[in-house]
N, C-alpha and C. Protein backbone atom coordinates (compact mmCIF):
# COMPACT_ATOMS: atom_id res chain seq x y z
N MET A 1 21.69 37.33 -9.47
CA MET A 1 21.07 38.27 -10.38
C MET A 1 20.15 37.52 -11.33
N THR A 2 19.04 38.13 -11.67
CA THR A 2 18.03 37.51 -12.51
C THR A 2 18.04 38.16 -13.88
N HIS A 3 17.72 37.37 -14.88
CA HIS A 3 17.59 37.88 -16.24
C HIS A 3 16.37 38.77 -16.35
N ILE A 4 16.22 39.40 -17.50
CA ILE A 4 15.04 40.23 -17.74
C ILE A 4 13.79 39.36 -17.84
N PHE A 5 12.64 39.98 -17.71
CA PHE A 5 11.36 39.28 -17.77
C PHE A 5 11.22 38.55 -19.10
N LYS A 6 10.82 37.28 -19.02
CA LYS A 6 10.65 36.43 -20.20
C LYS A 6 9.22 35.89 -20.19
N PRO A 7 8.29 36.60 -20.83
CA PRO A 7 6.87 36.20 -20.75
C PRO A 7 6.59 34.80 -21.28
N LYS A 8 7.26 34.39 -22.36
CA LYS A 8 7.03 33.04 -22.90
C LYS A 8 7.47 31.97 -21.91
N ALA A 9 8.60 32.20 -21.26
CA ALA A 9 9.09 31.24 -20.27
C ALA A 9 8.14 31.18 -19.07
N LEU A 10 7.62 32.32 -18.65
CA LEU A 10 6.68 32.35 -17.54
C LEU A 10 5.40 31.59 -17.91
N LEU A 11 4.85 31.88 -19.07
CA LEU A 11 3.63 31.21 -19.52
C LEU A 11 3.86 29.71 -19.65
N THR A 12 4.99 29.33 -20.22
CA THR A 12 5.31 27.91 -20.38
C THR A 12 5.40 27.22 -19.02
N SER A 13 6.05 27.87 -18.09
CA SER A 13 6.21 27.29 -16.76
C SER A 13 4.86 27.10 -16.07
N ILE A 14 3.99 28.09 -16.18
CA ILE A 14 2.66 27.98 -15.59
C ILE A 14 1.84 26.90 -16.28
N LEU A 15 1.92 26.85 -17.61
CA LEU A 15 1.16 25.85 -18.35
C LEU A 15 1.63 24.42 -18.06
N ILE A 16 2.91 24.25 -17.83
CA ILE A 16 3.42 22.92 -17.47
C ILE A 16 2.81 22.46 -16.16
N SER A 17 2.86 23.32 -15.15
CA SER A 17 2.33 22.91 -13.85
C SER A 17 0.81 22.72 -13.91
N LEU A 18 0.11 23.63 -14.58
CA LEU A 18 -1.34 23.46 -14.74
C LEU A 18 -1.66 22.20 -15.54
N GLY A 19 -0.83 21.91 -16.53
CA GLY A 19 -1.02 20.72 -17.35
C GLY A 19 -0.91 19.44 -16.54
N VAL A 20 0.03 19.40 -15.62
CA VAL A 20 0.17 18.23 -14.75
C VAL A 20 -1.11 18.04 -13.95
N GLY A 21 -1.62 19.11 -13.37
CA GLY A 21 -2.87 19.02 -12.62
C GLY A 21 -4.05 18.64 -13.48
N PHE A 22 -4.11 19.19 -14.68
CA PHE A 22 -5.22 18.91 -15.59
C PHE A 22 -5.22 17.44 -16.03
N ILE A 23 -4.06 16.94 -16.40
CA ILE A 23 -3.98 15.53 -16.84
C ILE A 23 -4.32 14.61 -15.68
N SER A 24 -3.84 14.93 -14.49
CA SER A 24 -4.18 14.12 -13.31
C SER A 24 -5.69 14.13 -13.07
N SER A 25 -6.32 15.29 -13.23
CA SER A 25 -7.78 15.35 -13.02
C SER A 25 -8.52 14.57 -14.10
N LEU A 26 -8.00 14.58 -15.32
CA LEU A 26 -8.63 13.78 -16.38
C LEU A 26 -8.55 12.29 -16.07
N LEU A 27 -7.41 11.86 -15.54
CA LEU A 27 -7.21 10.45 -15.25
C LEU A 27 -8.01 9.98 -14.04
N THR A 28 -8.44 10.92 -13.20
CA THR A 28 -9.19 10.53 -12.00
C THR A 28 -10.65 10.96 -12.04
N LYS A 29 -11.08 11.58 -13.14
CA LYS A 29 -12.43 12.16 -13.17
C LYS A 29 -13.54 11.11 -12.98
N ASN A 30 -13.32 9.88 -13.39
CA ASN A 30 -14.34 8.84 -13.22
C ASN A 30 -14.47 8.38 -11.77
N ASN A 31 -13.49 8.70 -10.95
CA ASN A 31 -13.51 8.27 -9.55
C ASN A 31 -13.57 9.43 -8.56
N ILE A 32 -13.66 10.65 -9.06
CA ILE A 32 -13.64 11.82 -8.19
C ILE A 32 -14.89 11.89 -7.31
N ASN A 33 -16.00 11.29 -7.78
CA ASN A 33 -17.23 11.29 -6.96
C ASN A 33 -17.05 10.47 -5.69
N LEU A 34 -15.99 9.70 -5.61
CA LEU A 34 -15.65 8.94 -4.42
C LEU A 34 -15.60 9.84 -3.19
N TYR A 35 -15.11 11.06 -3.36
CA TYR A 35 -14.98 12.00 -2.24
C TYR A 35 -16.32 12.27 -1.57
N GLY A 36 -17.37 12.30 -2.35
CA GLY A 36 -18.70 12.52 -1.80
C GLY A 36 -19.29 11.30 -1.13
N GLU A 37 -18.76 10.13 -1.43
CA GLU A 37 -19.33 8.88 -0.94
C GLU A 37 -18.63 8.31 0.29
N ILE A 38 -17.38 8.67 0.52
CA ILE A 38 -16.65 8.11 1.64
C ILE A 38 -16.91 8.89 2.92
N VAL A 39 -16.62 8.27 4.04
CA VAL A 39 -16.73 8.94 5.33
C VAL A 39 -15.51 9.86 5.46
N LYS A 40 -15.80 11.14 5.78
CA LYS A 40 -14.74 12.15 5.89
C LYS A 40 -14.75 12.74 7.29
N PRO A 41 -13.63 13.31 7.70
CA PRO A 41 -13.61 13.99 9.00
C PRO A 41 -14.50 15.23 8.96
N SER A 42 -14.85 15.74 10.13
CA SER A 42 -15.76 16.88 10.19
C SER A 42 -15.17 18.13 9.53
N VAL A 43 -13.87 18.27 9.56
CA VAL A 43 -13.22 19.41 8.92
C VAL A 43 -12.79 19.00 7.51
N SER A 44 -13.77 18.94 6.61
CA SER A 44 -13.51 18.57 5.21
C SER A 44 -14.16 19.61 4.31
N PRO A 45 -13.39 20.18 3.41
CA PRO A 45 -14.00 21.17 2.50
C PRO A 45 -14.93 20.49 1.50
N PRO A 46 -15.89 21.24 0.98
CA PRO A 46 -16.73 20.68 -0.09
C PRO A 46 -15.88 20.43 -1.33
N SER A 47 -16.32 19.52 -2.14
CA SER A 47 -15.52 19.09 -3.30
C SER A 47 -15.21 20.22 -4.27
N PHE A 48 -16.07 21.25 -4.38
CA PHE A 48 -15.81 22.32 -5.34
C PHE A 48 -14.58 23.16 -4.97
N VAL A 49 -14.13 23.07 -3.72
CA VAL A 49 -12.98 23.85 -3.27
C VAL A 49 -11.67 23.34 -3.89
N PHE A 50 -11.58 22.04 -4.08
CA PHE A 50 -10.32 21.44 -4.52
C PHE A 50 -9.82 21.96 -5.86
N PRO A 51 -10.63 21.99 -6.93
CA PRO A 51 -10.09 22.49 -8.19
C PRO A 51 -9.68 23.96 -8.12
N ILE A 52 -10.38 24.75 -7.31
CA ILE A 52 -10.03 26.16 -7.18
C ILE A 52 -8.66 26.29 -6.50
N VAL A 53 -8.51 25.61 -5.37
CA VAL A 53 -7.25 25.68 -4.63
C VAL A 53 -6.10 25.13 -5.46
N TRP A 54 -6.31 23.98 -6.09
CA TRP A 54 -5.23 23.38 -6.86
C TRP A 54 -4.83 24.24 -8.06
N THR A 55 -5.78 24.89 -8.69
CA THR A 55 -5.44 25.78 -9.80
C THR A 55 -4.53 26.90 -9.32
N ILE A 56 -4.88 27.51 -8.20
CA ILE A 56 -4.05 28.58 -7.64
C ILE A 56 -2.66 28.05 -7.29
N LEU A 57 -2.62 26.89 -6.65
CA LEU A 57 -1.32 26.31 -6.24
C LEU A 57 -0.45 25.97 -7.44
N PHE A 58 -1.05 25.41 -8.49
CA PHE A 58 -0.26 25.09 -9.69
C PHE A 58 0.24 26.35 -10.38
N ILE A 59 -0.53 27.41 -10.36
CA ILE A 59 -0.05 28.68 -10.93
C ILE A 59 1.14 29.20 -10.11
N LEU A 60 1.01 29.15 -8.79
CA LEU A 60 2.12 29.58 -7.94
C LEU A 60 3.36 28.72 -8.16
N MET A 61 3.17 27.41 -8.36
CA MET A 61 4.30 26.53 -8.66
C MET A 61 4.98 26.96 -9.95
N GLY A 62 4.17 27.25 -10.95
CA GLY A 62 4.73 27.67 -12.23
C GLY A 62 5.51 28.97 -12.13
N ILE A 63 4.98 29.92 -11.38
CA ILE A 63 5.68 31.19 -11.19
C ILE A 63 7.00 30.96 -10.47
N SER A 64 6.98 30.14 -9.44
CA SER A 64 8.21 29.84 -8.69
C SER A 64 9.25 29.17 -9.58
N ALA A 65 8.81 28.19 -10.34
CA ALA A 65 9.75 27.49 -11.23
C ALA A 65 10.35 28.46 -12.25
N TYR A 66 9.52 29.37 -12.75
CA TYR A 66 10.02 30.39 -13.67
C TYR A 66 11.10 31.24 -13.02
N LEU A 67 10.85 31.69 -11.79
CA LEU A 67 11.83 32.53 -11.09
C LEU A 67 13.15 31.80 -10.90
N ILE A 68 13.08 30.50 -10.68
CA ILE A 68 14.30 29.71 -10.55
C ILE A 68 14.96 29.54 -11.91
N TYR A 69 14.15 29.25 -12.92
CA TYR A 69 14.65 29.03 -14.28
C TYR A 69 15.42 30.24 -14.81
N ILE A 70 14.93 31.45 -14.56
CA ILE A 70 15.60 32.64 -15.11
C ILE A 70 16.78 33.11 -14.26
N SER A 71 17.01 32.46 -13.14
CA SER A 71 18.12 32.86 -12.28
C SER A 71 19.46 32.46 -12.90
N ASN A 72 20.50 33.07 -12.40
CA ASN A 72 21.86 32.72 -12.83
C ASN A 72 22.53 31.75 -11.87
N SER A 73 21.77 31.22 -10.94
CA SER A 73 22.33 30.35 -9.92
C SER A 73 22.86 29.06 -10.50
N SER A 74 24.01 28.64 -10.00
CA SER A 74 24.57 27.36 -10.43
C SER A 74 23.78 26.20 -9.81
N TYR A 75 22.93 26.51 -8.83
CA TYR A 75 22.13 25.50 -8.13
C TYR A 75 20.75 25.32 -8.76
N LYS A 76 20.44 26.10 -9.80
CA LYS A 76 19.07 26.07 -10.34
C LYS A 76 18.70 24.72 -10.95
N ASN A 77 19.62 24.03 -11.58
CA ASN A 77 19.28 22.72 -12.17
C ASN A 77 18.87 21.72 -11.09
N THR A 78 19.57 21.72 -9.98
CA THR A 78 19.22 20.84 -8.86
C THR A 78 17.84 21.21 -8.33
N ALA A 79 17.60 22.50 -8.14
CA ALA A 79 16.31 22.97 -7.62
C ALA A 79 15.18 22.60 -8.58
N LEU A 80 15.40 22.74 -9.87
CA LEU A 80 14.37 22.40 -10.84
C LEU A 80 14.13 20.89 -10.92
N LYS A 81 15.16 20.09 -10.67
CA LYS A 81 14.97 18.63 -10.62
C LYS A 81 14.08 18.25 -9.43
N ILE A 82 14.29 18.90 -8.31
CA ILE A 82 13.43 18.65 -7.14
C ILE A 82 12.01 19.08 -7.46
N TYR A 83 11.86 20.21 -8.13
CA TYR A 83 10.55 20.71 -8.54
C TYR A 83 9.82 19.68 -9.42
N VAL A 84 10.53 19.16 -10.42
CA VAL A 84 9.94 18.17 -11.32
C VAL A 84 9.58 16.90 -10.55
N ALA A 85 10.45 16.48 -9.65
CA ALA A 85 10.18 15.27 -8.85
C ALA A 85 8.90 15.44 -8.04
N GLN A 86 8.72 16.60 -7.40
CA GLN A 86 7.52 16.79 -6.60
C GLN A 86 6.29 16.89 -7.49
N LEU A 87 6.42 17.43 -8.70
CA LEU A 87 5.28 17.46 -9.63
C LEU A 87 4.85 16.04 -9.99
N ILE A 88 5.81 15.17 -10.24
CA ILE A 88 5.51 13.78 -10.59
C ILE A 88 4.83 13.08 -9.42
N VAL A 89 5.37 13.25 -8.22
CA VAL A 89 4.79 12.62 -7.03
C VAL A 89 3.38 13.18 -6.79
N ASN A 90 3.21 14.47 -6.96
CA ASN A 90 1.90 15.10 -6.82
C ASN A 90 0.92 14.48 -7.82
N PHE A 91 1.34 14.36 -9.05
CA PHE A 91 0.51 13.80 -10.13
C PHE A 91 0.02 12.39 -9.76
N LEU A 92 0.91 11.59 -9.23
CA LEU A 92 0.58 10.19 -8.93
C LEU A 92 -0.31 10.03 -7.70
N TRP A 93 -0.27 11.00 -6.77
CA TRP A 93 -1.08 10.86 -5.56
C TRP A 93 -2.57 10.71 -5.88
N SER A 94 -3.08 11.52 -6.78
CA SER A 94 -4.51 11.45 -7.12
C SER A 94 -4.90 10.09 -7.66
N ILE A 95 -4.03 9.52 -8.45
CA ILE A 95 -4.30 8.20 -9.02
C ILE A 95 -4.31 7.14 -7.92
N ILE A 96 -3.34 7.23 -7.01
CA ILE A 96 -3.27 6.27 -5.89
C ILE A 96 -4.51 6.41 -5.01
N PHE A 97 -4.90 7.64 -4.71
CA PHE A 97 -6.02 7.86 -3.79
C PHE A 97 -7.36 7.57 -4.46
N PHE A 98 -7.63 8.20 -5.60
CA PHE A 98 -8.96 8.09 -6.22
C PHE A 98 -9.14 6.83 -7.06
N ASN A 99 -8.19 6.53 -7.93
CA ASN A 99 -8.37 5.38 -8.82
C ASN A 99 -8.10 4.05 -8.12
N LEU A 100 -7.03 3.99 -7.35
CA LEU A 100 -6.67 2.74 -6.69
C LEU A 100 -7.31 2.61 -5.31
N GLN A 101 -7.76 3.72 -4.74
CA GLN A 101 -8.39 3.76 -3.41
C GLN A 101 -7.51 3.10 -2.36
N MET A 102 -6.23 3.33 -2.47
CA MET A 102 -5.24 2.81 -1.52
C MET A 102 -4.92 3.94 -0.54
N TYR A 103 -5.81 4.16 0.42
CA TYR A 103 -5.73 5.34 1.28
C TYR A 103 -4.48 5.39 2.15
N LEU A 104 -4.09 4.26 2.72
CA LEU A 104 -2.89 4.27 3.56
C LEU A 104 -1.65 4.53 2.71
N PHE A 105 -1.54 3.85 1.57
CA PHE A 105 -0.40 4.09 0.69
C PHE A 105 -0.41 5.52 0.18
N ALA A 106 -1.59 6.05 -0.11
CA ALA A 106 -1.70 7.44 -0.56
C ALA A 106 -1.19 8.39 0.52
N PHE A 107 -1.48 8.09 1.78
CA PHE A 107 -0.98 8.92 2.88
C PHE A 107 0.54 8.86 2.95
N ILE A 108 1.10 7.66 2.85
CA ILE A 108 2.56 7.51 2.87
C ILE A 108 3.17 8.25 1.68
N TRP A 109 2.52 8.15 0.53
CA TRP A 109 2.97 8.85 -0.68
C TRP A 109 2.92 10.37 -0.45
N LEU A 110 1.90 10.82 0.25
CA LEU A 110 1.76 12.25 0.56
C LEU A 110 2.89 12.72 1.48
N LEU A 111 3.32 11.86 2.39
CA LEU A 111 4.47 12.20 3.24
C LEU A 111 5.73 12.37 2.40
N PHE A 112 5.87 11.52 1.39
CA PHE A 112 6.98 11.65 0.45
C PHE A 112 6.87 12.98 -0.30
N LEU A 113 5.67 13.32 -0.75
CA LEU A 113 5.45 14.60 -1.43
C LEU A 113 5.79 15.75 -0.50
N LEU A 114 5.35 15.67 0.72
CA LEU A 114 5.62 16.72 1.70
C LEU A 114 7.13 16.93 1.87
N THR A 115 7.87 15.84 1.93
CA THR A 115 9.33 15.92 2.03
C THR A 115 9.92 16.62 0.82
N LEU A 116 9.43 16.27 -0.37
CA LEU A 116 9.93 16.92 -1.59
C LEU A 116 9.57 18.40 -1.62
N ILE A 117 8.39 18.75 -1.15
CA ILE A 117 7.99 20.17 -1.12
C ILE A 117 8.92 20.95 -0.20
N ILE A 118 9.22 20.39 0.96
CA ILE A 118 10.15 21.06 1.88
C ILE A 118 11.52 21.21 1.24
N LEU A 119 12.01 20.14 0.60
CA LEU A 119 13.30 20.23 -0.11
C LEU A 119 13.25 21.27 -1.22
N MET A 120 12.13 21.35 -1.92
CA MET A 120 11.97 22.33 -2.99
C MET A 120 12.03 23.75 -2.41
N ILE A 121 11.30 23.98 -1.34
CA ILE A 121 11.28 25.31 -0.73
C ILE A 121 12.69 25.70 -0.26
N VAL A 122 13.38 24.77 0.37
CA VAL A 122 14.74 25.05 0.83
C VAL A 122 15.65 25.36 -0.35
N SER A 123 15.56 24.53 -1.41
CA SER A 123 16.43 24.77 -2.57
C SER A 123 16.07 26.07 -3.28
N PHE A 124 14.77 26.36 -3.38
CA PHE A 124 14.35 27.62 -4.00
C PHE A 124 14.83 28.82 -3.19
N SER A 125 14.79 28.70 -1.86
CA SER A 125 15.17 29.84 -1.01
C SER A 125 16.64 30.22 -1.17
N LYS A 126 17.46 29.27 -1.56
CA LYS A 126 18.88 29.56 -1.80
C LYS A 126 19.08 30.37 -3.08
N ILE A 127 18.06 30.37 -3.94
CA ILE A 127 18.17 31.03 -5.24
C ILE A 127 17.32 32.29 -5.31
N ASN A 128 16.07 32.16 -4.84
CA ASN A 128 15.12 33.28 -4.94
C ASN A 128 14.10 33.14 -3.81
N LYS A 129 14.15 34.06 -2.87
CA LYS A 129 13.28 33.98 -1.69
C LYS A 129 11.81 34.01 -2.08
N LEU A 130 11.44 34.83 -3.06
CA LEU A 130 10.04 34.91 -3.47
C LEU A 130 9.56 33.55 -4.01
N ALA A 131 10.39 32.89 -4.79
CA ALA A 131 10.03 31.56 -5.32
C ALA A 131 9.75 30.60 -4.18
N ALA A 132 10.53 30.69 -3.12
CA ALA A 132 10.31 29.82 -1.95
C ALA A 132 9.02 30.21 -1.23
N TYR A 133 8.82 31.50 -0.99
CA TYR A 133 7.64 31.96 -0.26
C TYR A 133 6.34 31.62 -0.99
N LEU A 134 6.37 31.63 -2.31
CA LEU A 134 5.17 31.30 -3.08
C LEU A 134 4.74 29.85 -2.90
N GLN A 135 5.63 29.02 -2.35
CA GLN A 135 5.30 27.61 -2.13
C GLN A 135 4.76 27.31 -0.73
N ILE A 136 4.73 28.32 0.13
CA ILE A 136 4.21 28.11 1.49
C ILE A 136 2.73 27.70 1.47
N PRO A 137 1.87 28.33 0.65
CA PRO A 137 0.48 27.85 0.60
C PRO A 137 0.37 26.39 0.17
N TYR A 138 1.21 25.98 -0.76
CA TYR A 138 1.24 24.59 -1.22
C TYR A 138 1.62 23.66 -0.06
N LEU A 139 2.65 24.04 0.68
CA LEU A 139 3.07 23.25 1.83
C LEU A 139 1.92 23.11 2.84
N ILE A 140 1.27 24.21 3.15
CA ILE A 140 0.17 24.19 4.11
C ILE A 140 -0.98 23.33 3.60
N TRP A 141 -1.31 23.46 2.32
CA TRP A 141 -2.41 22.68 1.75
C TRP A 141 -2.10 21.18 1.77
N VAL A 142 -0.87 20.82 1.48
CA VAL A 142 -0.51 19.40 1.47
C VAL A 142 -0.50 18.84 2.90
N ILE A 143 -0.13 19.65 3.86
CA ILE A 143 -0.24 19.21 5.26
C ILE A 143 -1.71 18.95 5.59
N PHE A 144 -2.59 19.87 5.18
CA PHE A 144 -4.02 19.69 5.39
C PHE A 144 -4.53 18.46 4.63
N ALA A 145 -4.06 18.28 3.41
CA ALA A 145 -4.44 17.10 2.62
C ALA A 145 -3.98 15.82 3.32
N GLY A 146 -2.84 15.87 3.97
CA GLY A 146 -2.36 14.71 4.73
C GLY A 146 -3.29 14.38 5.87
N TYR A 147 -3.74 15.41 6.56
CA TYR A 147 -4.74 15.20 7.63
C TYR A 147 -6.00 14.55 7.06
N LEU A 148 -6.52 15.09 5.96
CA LEU A 148 -7.72 14.52 5.33
C LEU A 148 -7.49 13.08 4.90
N ASN A 149 -6.36 12.85 4.24
CA ASN A 149 -6.04 11.52 3.74
C ASN A 149 -5.96 10.51 4.88
N LEU A 150 -5.25 10.84 5.94
CA LEU A 150 -5.12 9.91 7.07
C LEU A 150 -6.48 9.69 7.73
N ALA A 151 -7.24 10.76 7.92
CA ALA A 151 -8.57 10.61 8.53
C ALA A 151 -9.48 9.74 7.66
N ILE A 152 -9.43 9.93 6.36
CA ILE A 152 -10.25 9.12 5.46
C ILE A 152 -9.83 7.65 5.55
N TYR A 153 -8.53 7.41 5.61
CA TYR A 153 -8.06 6.03 5.77
C TYR A 153 -8.64 5.43 7.06
N LEU A 154 -8.51 6.15 8.15
CA LEU A 154 -8.95 5.64 9.45
C LEU A 154 -10.48 5.47 9.53
N LEU A 155 -11.22 6.35 8.87
CA LEU A 155 -12.68 6.29 8.92
C LEU A 155 -13.29 5.31 7.93
N ASN A 156 -12.50 4.83 6.98
CA ASN A 156 -13.04 3.98 5.92
C ASN A 156 -12.32 2.63 5.82
N LYS A 157 -11.76 2.19 6.92
CA LYS A 157 -11.06 0.89 6.91
C LYS A 157 -12.03 -0.24 6.60
């Protein structure tokens, strides 16, 4: 059973996830032009797509975390710890890829993120199916990002 709607908690949850993305973008903004300069696979979106997609994904993450937070599940603390862990790993990927330009390590790091996302979805699904379903676009995008990351590594050795 879920508690009543808590708008402040929802807003806070969304702002936390958006904040992680925003701070990561601030820390990588001097190197973001790298995407336009490196050799990319033929199936690569233009750079303007990334902030739009990531904003949507971070909002969905925040909504999902809120749904877990307001639940009465005894498993919610574990699920939220997995959520926080994947946020941290997500945050660090941009720095590894753009600032450090360690493409192979960034790909391996992305596989770690992918594992955490799957664990998050599984843990969320035990508490709130909608919270889990809202993370499917994130899972798909990170799989696509893995393809891009690996291709960029291979094309720019």
